Amino acid sequence: MEFGEVVHSIIKILDSGCKAVGFVSPTHFIPQVKAIIEELRLHGYNPIFVYNTNGYDKVEEIRLLENYINIYLPDYKYSDNNLARKLSKVPDYKQTALQAIKEMYRQKGSTLIINEDGYAENGLIIRHLVLPGHIENSLGVLRDIADISTSIAISLMAQYFPTPAMKNHATLNRTLTADEYNIVKNELEYLGFYKGWAQELESNESYRPDFESDKPFMEQF
């Protein structure tokens, strides 16, 4: 799709009533992200721009987005580089993600602006998915974020579920237990975080694509 077609498609959606434009896993498209935002603004459109990322971003790239992004929505997956290497094949996730998050925090601070409809309009929200069998990783994640600020909004997620490919994995072949999740939630409270959300343990029953299908993310009729 040509650049003009992309912008036209976004404008059409905005004209239908959509209030936000989200860029998902956009790190390798930052020049295009900036160009799209600039073009939309030239056309008089200034929706909420969301940068939705796995957190593995170069800090230099995040600096380029200042004055472009309203909401940063990064994951902070791993405080344990060995686990990051094992599960995501990246050797330096912790250092890289923390530097990127610190830059997002520099730009946004810990103020999260929520509009009258309950939607975030500006700020930083850090997500973390608690993995079964790796609670120490999650405790480390929360402690790392607390070292930046306990005023940051946290989205703590319990929705992990094992896909068929994980049925023989030593730790990821099951869902999270109540005891595991309670340990992490207790640490969240102990550290003094007071903004954000914690999913219900039963959330693993939702958000579940059909991975037995050839098109797991397509609605089946």
C-alpha atoms as a PDB file:
ATOM      1  CA  MET A   1       0.000   0.000   0.000  1.00  0.00           C
ATOM      2  CA  GLU A   2       1.358   3.429  -0.943  1.00  0.00           C
ATOM      3  CA  PHE A   3       1.933   6.085   1.723  1.00  0.00           C
ATOM      4  CA  GLY A   4      -0.997   8.197   0.542  1.00  0.00           C
ATOM      5  CA  GLU A   5      -3.302   5.192   0.672  1.00  0.00           C
ATOM      6  CA  VAL A   6      -2.238   4.451   4.246  1.00  0.00           C
ATOM      7  CA  VAL A   7      -2.973   8.005   5.351  1.00  0.00           C
ATOM      8  CA  HIS A   8      -6.298   8.022   3.492  1.00  0.00           C
ATOM      9  CA  SER A   9      -7.301   4.742   5.160  1.00  0.00           C
ATOM     10  CA  ILE A  10      -6.499   6.135   8.601  1.00  0.00           C
ATOM     11  CA  ILE A  11      -8.426   9.343   7.912  1.00  0.00           C
ATOM     12  CA  LYS A  12     -11.430   7.304   6.832  1.00  0.00           C
ATOM     13  CA  ILE A  13     -11.361   5.416  10.138  1.00  0.00           C
ATOM     14  CA  LEU A  14     -10.924   8.626  12.126  1.00  0.00           C
ATOM     15  CA  ASP A  15     -13.873  10.174  10.297  1.00  0.00           C
ATOM     16  CA  SER A  16     -15.985   7.198  11.394  1.00  0.00           C
ATOM     17  CA  GLY A  17     -15.467   8.226  15.020  1.00  0.00           C
ATOM     18  CA  CYS A  18     -12.230   6.512  16.076  1.00  0.00           C
ATOM     19  CA  LYS A  19     -10.281   8.667  18.541  1.00  0.00           C
ATOM     20  CA  ALA A  20      -6.863   6.984  18.493  1.00  0.00           C
ATOM     21  CA  VAL A  21      -4.225   5.635  16.121  1.00  0.00           C
ATOM     22  CA  GLY A  22      -2.149   2.751  17.454  1.00  0.00           C
ATOM     23  CA  PHE A  23       1.203   1.659  16.082  1.00  0.00           C
ATOM     24  CA  VAL A  24       1.835  -1.965  17.095  1.00  0.00           C
ATOM     25  CA  SER A  25       5.391  -3.369  17.177  1.00  0.00           C
ATOM     26  CA  PRO A  26       6.452  -0.349  15.093  1.00  0.00           C
ATOM     27  CA  THR A  27      10.135  -0.043  15.988  1.00  0.00           C
ATOM     28  CA  HIS A  28      11.417  -0.843  12.503  1.00  0.00           C
ATOM     29  CA  PHE A  29       8.955   1.652  10.983  1.00  0.00           C
ATOM     30  CA  ILE A  30       9.683   4.742  13.086  1.00  0.00           C
ATOM     31  CA  PRO A  31      10.419   7.003  10.065  1.00  0.00           C
ATOM     32  CA  GLN A  32       7.072   5.979   8.567  1.00  0.00           C
ATOM     33  CA  VAL A  33       5.307   6.439  11.924  1.00  0.00           C
ATOM     34  CA  LYS A  34       6.583  10.007  12.142  1.00  0.00           C
ATOM     35  CA  ALA A  35       5.663  10.709   8.514  1.00  0.00           C
ATOM     36  CA  ILE A  36       2.109   9.409   9.041  1.00  0.00           C
ATOM     37  CA  ILE A  37       1.623  11.533  12.151  1.00  0.00           C
ATOM     38  CA  GLU A  38       2.979  14.632  10.416  1.00  0.00           C
ATOM     39  CA  GLU A  39       0.712  14.081   7.412  1.00  0.00           C
ATOM     40  CA  LEU A  40      -2.359  13.555   9.585  1.00  0.00           C
ATOM     41  CA  ARG A  41      -1.614  16.748  11.473  1.00  0.00           C
ATOM     42  CA  LEU A  42      -1.224  18.627   8.189  1.00  0.00           C
ATOM     43  CA  HIS A  43      -4.740  17.451   7.325  1.00  0.00           C
ATOM     44  CA  GLY A  44      -6.034  18.778  10.642  1.00  0.00           C
ATOM     45  CA  TYR A  45      -6.211  15.439  12.460  1.00  0.00           C
ATOM     46  CA  ASN A  46      -4.695  15.108  15.900  1.00  0.00           C
ATOM     47  CA  PRO A  47      -5.962  11.852  17.457  1.00  0.00           C
ATOM     48  CA  ILE A  48      -4.336  10.061  20.358  1.00  0.00           C
ATOM     49  CA  PHE A  49      -1.196   8.375  19.017  1.00  0.00           C
ATOM     50  CA  VAL A  50      -0.248   5.146  20.810  1.00  0.00           C
ATOM     51  CA  TYR A  51       3.154   3.455  20.587  1.00  0.00           C
ATOM     52  CA  ASN A  52       2.512  -0.219  21.437  1.00  0.00           C
ATOM     53  CA  THR A  53       5.814  -2.080  21.750  1.00  0.00           C
ATOM     54  CA  ASN A  54       7.440  -5.178  23.229  1.00  0.00           C
ATOM     55  CA  GLY A  55       9.937  -2.863  24.940  1.00  0.00           C
ATOM     56  CA  TYR A  56      12.991  -3.985  22.980  1.00  0.00           C
ATOM     57  CA  ASP A  57      13.646  -0.554  21.491  1.00  0.00           C
ATOM     58  CA  LYS A  58      16.831   1.441  21.086  1.00  0.00           C
ATOM     59  CA  VAL A  59      16.713   4.484  23.318  1.00  0.00           C
ATOM     60  CA  GLU A  60      17.919   6.633  20.417  1.00  0.00           C
ATOM     61  CA  GLU A  61      14.803   5.669  18.443  1.00  0.00           C
ATOM     62  CA  ILE A  62      12.461   6.523  21.316  1.00  0.00           C
ATOM     63  CA  ARG A  63      14.052   9.967  21.561  1.00  0.00           C
ATOM     64  CA  LEU A  64      13.004  10.579  17.956  1.00  0.00           C
ATOM     65  CA  LEU A  65       9.356  10.155  18.950  1.00  0.00           C
ATOM     66  CA  GLU A  66       9.184  12.989  21.454  1.00  0.00           C
ATOM     67  CA  ASN A  67       6.333  15.347  20.490  1.00  0.00           C
ATOM     68  CA  TYR A  68       4.813  12.624  18.302  1.00  0.00           C
ATOM     69  CA  ILE A  69       3.456  10.014  20.732  1.00  0.00           C
ATOM     70  CA  ASN A  70       0.702  10.571  23.291  1.00  0.00           C
ATOM     71  CA  ILE A  71       0.743   7.179  24.991  1.00  0.00           C
ATOM     72  CA  TYR A  72       3.650   4.798  25.347  1.00  0.00           C
ATOM     73  CA  LEU A  73       2.453   1.225  25.928  1.00  0.00           C
ATOM     74  CA  PRO A  74       5.587  -0.913  26.318  1.00  0.00           C
ATOM     75  CA  ASP A  75       5.969  -4.403  27.666  1.00  0.00           C
ATOM     76  CA  TYR A  76       8.676  -5.052  30.204  1.00  0.00           C
ATOM     77  CA  LYS A  77       8.938  -8.801  29.797  1.00  0.00           C
ATOM     78  CA  TYR A  78      12.146  -9.873  31.470  1.00  0.00           C
ATOM     79  CA  SER A  79      14.327  -8.782  34.370  1.00  0.00           C
ATOM     80  CA  ASP A  80      16.323 -11.975  33.763  1.00  0.00           C
ATOM     81  CA  ASN A  81      18.488 -11.847  30.649  1.00  0.00           C
ATOM     82  CA  ASN A  82      19.000 -15.601  30.716  1.00  0.00           C
ATOM     83  CA  LEU A  83      15.241 -16.094  30.501  1.00  0.00           C
ATOM     84  CA  ALA A  84      15.026 -13.480  27.734  1.00  0.00           C
ATOM     85  CA  ARG A  85      17.684 -15.329  25.794  1.00  0.00           C
ATOM     86  CA  LYS A  86      15.962 -18.656  26.334  1.00  0.00           C
ATOM     87  CA  LEU A  87      12.414 -17.594  25.477  1.00  0.00           C
ATOM     88  CA  SER A  88      12.891 -14.681  23.084  1.00  0.00           C
ATOM     89  CA  LYS A  89      16.416 -15.210  21.787  1.00  0.00           C
ATOM     90  CA  VAL A  90      17.633 -11.750  22.809  1.00  0.00           C
ATOM     91  CA  PRO A  91      20.797 -11.444  24.925  1.00  0.00           C
ATOM     92  CA  ASP A  92      20.349  -7.956  26.387  1.00  0.00           C
ATOM     93  CA  TYR A  93      16.616  -7.431  26.795  1.00  0.00           C
ATOM     94  CA  LYS A  94      16.770  -5.997  30.308  1.00  0.00           C
ATOM     95  CA  GLN A  95      19.287  -3.251  29.613  1.00  0.00           C
ATOM     96  CA  THR A  96      17.755  -2.332  26.268  1.00  0.00           C
ATOM     97  CA  ALA A  97      14.146  -2.244  27.469  1.00  0.00           C
ATOM     98  CA  LEU A  98      14.938  -0.376  30.671  1.00  0.00           C
ATOM     99  CA  GLN A  99      16.802   2.359  28.806  1.00  0.00           C
ATOM    100  CA  ALA A 100      13.889   2.722  26.384  1.00  0.00           C
ATOM    101  CA  ILE A 101      11.363   2.835  29.246  1.00  0.00           C
ATOM    102  CA  LYS A 102      13.435   5.417  31.114  1.00  0.00           C
ATOM    103  CA  GLU A 103      13.338   7.611  28.007  1.00  0.00           C
ATOM    104  CA  MET A 104       9.567   7.150  27.743  1.00  0.00           C
ATOM    105  CA  TYR A 105       9.336   8.154  31.404  1.00  0.00           C
ATOM    106  CA  ARG A 106      11.510  11.207  30.787  1.00  0.00           C
ATOM    107  CA  GLN A 107       9.103  12.291  28.083  1.00  0.00           C
ATOM    108  CA  LYS A 108       5.845  11.490  29.874  1.00  0.00           C
ATOM    109  CA  GLY A 109       6.588  11.300  33.574  1.00  0.00           C
ATOM    110  CA  SER A 110       4.171   9.284  35.687  1.00  0.00           C
ATOM    111  CA  THR A 111       1.030  11.333  35.035  1.00  0.00           C
ATOM    112  CA  LEU A 112      -1.570   9.275  33.196  1.00  0.00           C
ATOM    113  CA  ILE A 113      -4.381  11.390  31.791  1.00  0.00           C
ATOM    114  CA  ILE A 114      -7.726   9.573  31.518  1.00  0.00           C
ATOM    115  CA  ASN A 115     -10.623  11.247  29.714  1.00  0.00           C
ATOM    116  CA  GLU A 116     -14.261  11.327  30.820  1.00  0.00           C
ATOM    117  CA  ASP A 117     -14.957   8.173  28.790  1.00  0.00           C
ATOM    118  CA  GLY A 118     -12.313   6.234  30.714  1.00  0.00           C
ATOM    119  CA  TYR A 119      -9.740   6.140  27.916  1.00  0.00           C
ATOM    120  CA  ALA A 120      -6.093   7.094  28.363  1.00  0.00           C
ATOM    121  CA  GLU A 121      -5.137  10.243  26.480  1.00  0.00           C
ATOM    122  CA  ASN A 122      -1.539  10.795  27.496  1.00  0.00           C
ATOM    123  CA  GLY A 123       1.141   9.059  29.524  1.00  0.00           C
ATOM    124  CA  LEU A 124       2.999   5.810  30.060  1.00  0.00           C
ATOM    125  CA  ILE A 125       1.582   2.375  30.879  1.00  0.00           C
ATOM    126  CA  ILE A 126       3.942  -0.571  31.340  1.00  0.00           C
ATOM    127  CA  ARG A 127       2.573  -4.075  30.761  1.00  0.00           C
ATOM    128  CA  HIS A 128       3.939  -7.270  32.228  1.00  0.00           C
ATOM    129  CA  LEU A 129       2.719 -10.800  31.554  1.00  0.00           C
ATOM    130  CA  VAL A 130       3.384 -13.119  34.496  1.00  0.00           C
ATOM    131  CA  LEU A 131       4.694 -16.460  33.252  1.00  0.00           C
ATOM    132  CA  PRO A 132       4.081 -19.740  35.108  1.00  0.00           C
ATOM    133  CA  GLY A 133       7.206 -21.082  36.760  1.00  0.00           C
ATOM    134  CA  HIS A 134       9.046 -17.761  36.468  1.00  0.00           C
ATOM    135  CA  ILE A 135       7.771 -15.701  39.369  1.00  0.00           C
ATOM    136  CA  GLU A 136      11.241 -14.399  40.294  1.00  0.00           C
ATOM    137  CA  ASN A 137      11.418 -12.821  36.858  1.00  0.00           C
ATOM    138  CA  SER A 138       8.170 -10.966  37.532  1.00  0.00           C
ATOM    139  CA  LEU A 139       9.320  -9.819  40.968  1.00  0.00           C
ATOM    140  CA  GLY A 140      12.483  -8.485  39.356  1.00  0.00           C
ATOM    141  CA  VAL A 141      10.426  -6.677  36.720  1.00  0.00           C
ATOM    142  CA  LEU A 142       8.398  -4.862  39.360  1.00  0.00           C
ATOM    143  CA  ARG A 143      11.503  -3.953  41.355  1.00  0.00           C
ATOM    144  CA  ASP A 144      13.221  -2.585  38.251  1.00  0.00           C
ATOM    145  CA  ILE A 145      10.211  -0.389  37.467  1.00  0.00           C
ATOM    146  CA  ALA A 146       9.965   0.715  41.096  1.00  0.00           C
ATOM    147  CA  ASP A 147      13.556   1.948  40.831  1.00  0.00           C
ATOM    148  CA  ILE A 148      12.308   4.344  38.144  1.00  0.00           C
ATOM    149  CA  SER A 149       9.067   5.335  39.911  1.00  0.00           C
ATOM    150  CA  THR A 150       6.246   3.624  41.779  1.00  0.00           C
ATOM    151  CA  SER A 151       3.926   6.255  40.277  1.00  0.00           C
ATOM    152  CA  ILE A 152       4.088   4.608  36.852  1.00  0.00           C
ATOM    153  CA  ALA A 153       0.869   2.884  35.784  1.00  0.00           C
ATOM    154  CA  ILE A 154       1.257  -0.891  35.614  1.00  0.00           C
ATOM    155  CA  SER A 155      -0.846  -3.357  33.647  1.00  0.00           C
ATOM    156  CA  LEU A 156      -0.232  -6.736  35.285  1.00  0.00           C
ATOM    157  CA  MET A 157      -1.438  -9.596  33.126  1.00  0.00           C
ATOM    158  CA  ALA A 158      -2.359 -13.171  34.005  1.00  0.00           C
ATOM    159  CA  GLN A 159      -3.685 -14.174  30.600  1.00  0.00           C
ATOM    160  CA  TYR A 160      -0.889 -16.590  29.607  1.00  0.00           C
ATOM    161  CA  PHE A 161      -2.157 -19.910  28.291  1.00  0.00           C
ATOM    162  CA  PRO A 162      -0.149 -22.729  26.704  1.00  0.00           C
ATOM    163  CA  THR A 163      -0.553 -23.155  22.975  1.00  0.00           C
ATOM    164  CA  PRO A 164      -0.349 -26.691  21.558  1.00  0.00           C
ATOM    165  CA  ALA A 165       3.320 -26.083  20.743  1.00  0.00           C
ATOM    166  CA  MET A 166       4.033 -25.677  24.486  1.00  0.00           C
ATOM    167  CA  LYS A 167       2.475 -28.954  25.638  1.00  0.00           C
ATOM    168  CA  ASN A 168       5.892 -30.508  26.338  1.00  0.00           C
ATOM    169  CA  HIS A 169       7.604 -27.392  27.694  1.00  0.00           C
ATOM    170  CA  ALA A 170       8.936 -27.743  31.242  1.00  0.00           C
ATOM    171  CA  THR A 171       7.303 -24.577  32.618  1.00  0.00           C
ATOM    172  CA  LEU A 172       5.116 -23.020  29.926  1.00  0.00           C
ATOM    173  CA  ASN A 173       2.869 -26.066  29.490  1.00  0.00           C
ATOM    174  CA  ARG A 174       0.329 -24.774  32.018  1.00  0.00           C
ATOM    175  CA  THR A 175      -1.463 -21.637  33.124  1.00  0.00           C
ATOM    176  CA  LEU A 176      -0.548 -19.490  36.108  1.00  0.00           C
ATOM    177  CA  THR A 177      -1.588 -20.689  39.562  1.00  0.00           C
ATOM    178  CA  ALA A 178      -3.385 -18.535  42.108  1.00  0.00           C
ATOM    179  CA  ASP A 179      -0.428 -18.809  44.502  1.00  0.00           C
ATOM    180  CA  GLU A 180       2.017 -17.614  41.842  1.00  0.00           C
ATOM    181  CA  TYR A 181      -0.133 -14.670  40.855  1.00  0.00           C
ATOM    182  CA  ASN A 182      -0.800 -13.660  44.454  1.00  0.00           C
ATOM    183  CA  ILE A 183       2.946 -13.516  45.154  1.00  0.00           C
ATOM    184  CA  VAL A 184       3.400 -11.082  42.276  1.00  0.00           C
ATOM    185  CA  LYS A 185       0.355  -8.973  43.206  1.00  0.00           C
ATOM    186  CA  ASN A 186       1.553  -8.806  46.810  1.00  0.00           C
ATOM    187  CA  GLU A 187       4.930  -7.531  45.623  1.00  0.00           C
ATOM    188  CA  LEU A 188       3.168  -4.911  43.495  1.00  0.00           C
ATOM    189  CA  GLU A 189       1.408  -3.657  46.625  1.00  0.00           C
ATOM    190  CA  TYR A 190       4.494  -3.969  48.841  1.00  0.00           C
ATOM    191  CA  LEU A 191       6.578  -1.837  46.467  1.00  0.00           C
ATOM    192  CA  GLY A 192       3.960   0.896  46.584  1.00  0.00           C
ATOM    193  CA  PHE A 193       2.524   0.917  43.076  1.00  0.00           C
ATOM    194  CA  TYR A 194      -0.897   2.525  43.145  1.00  0.00           C
ATOM    195  CA  LYS A 195      -1.897   3.128  39.532  1.00  0.00           C
ATOM    196  CA  GLY A 196      -2.906   0.597  36.927  1.00  0.00           C
ATOM    197  CA  TRP A 197      -4.693  -2.682  36.516  1.00  0.00           C
ATOM    198  CA  ALA A 198      -4.286  -6.344  37.458  1.00  0.00           C
ATOM    199  CA  GLN A 199      -6.108  -8.913  35.350  1.00  0.00           C
ATOM    200  CA  GLU A 200      -8.251 -11.554  36.969  1.00  0.00           C
ATOM    201  CA  LEU A 201      -6.547 -14.933  37.125  1.00  0.00           C
ATOM    202  CA  GLU A 202      -9.317 -16.324  34.925  1.00  0.00           C
ATOM    203  CA  SER A 203      -8.330 -13.956  32.111  1.00  0.00           C
ATOM    204  CA  ASN A 204      -6.452 -16.844  30.477  1.00  0.00           C
ATOM    205  CA  GLU A 205      -9.871 -18.027  29.335  1.00  0.00           C
ATOM    206  CA  SER A 206     -10.168 -14.912  27.174  1.00  0.00           C
ATOM    207  CA  TYR A 207      -8.066 -13.400  24.359  1.00  0.00           C
ATOM    208  CA  ARG A 208      -7.524 -16.912  23.018  1.00  0.00           C
ATOM    209  CA  PRO A 209      -6.946 -17.329  19.271  1.00  0.00           C
ATOM    210  CA  ASP A 210      -7.531 -20.765  17.786  1.00  0.00           C
ATOM    211  CA  PHE A 211      -3.956 -21.907  17.242  1.00  0.00           C
ATOM    212  CA  GLU A 212      -5.173 -25.152  15.727  1.00  0.00           C
ATOM    213  CA  SER A 213      -6.465 -23.081  12.805  1.00  0.00           C
ATOM    214  CA  ASP A 214      -4.395 -22.069   9.788  1.00  0.00           C
ATOM    215  CA  LYS A 215      -5.540 -18.494  10.454  1.00  0.00           C
ATOM    216  CA  PRO A 216      -5.620 -18.233  14.282  1.00  0.00           C
ATOM    217  CA  PHE A 217      -6.183 -14.472  14.340  1.00  0.00           C
ATOM    218  CA  MET A 218      -9.043 -14.468  11.853  1.00  0.00           C
ATOM    219  CA  GLU A 219     -12.598 -14.719  13.093  1.00  0.00           C
ATOM    220  CA  GLN A 220     -14.051 -18.072  12.233  1.00  0.00           C
ATOM    221  CA  PHE A 221     -17.546 -18.369  10.745  1.00  0.00           C
END
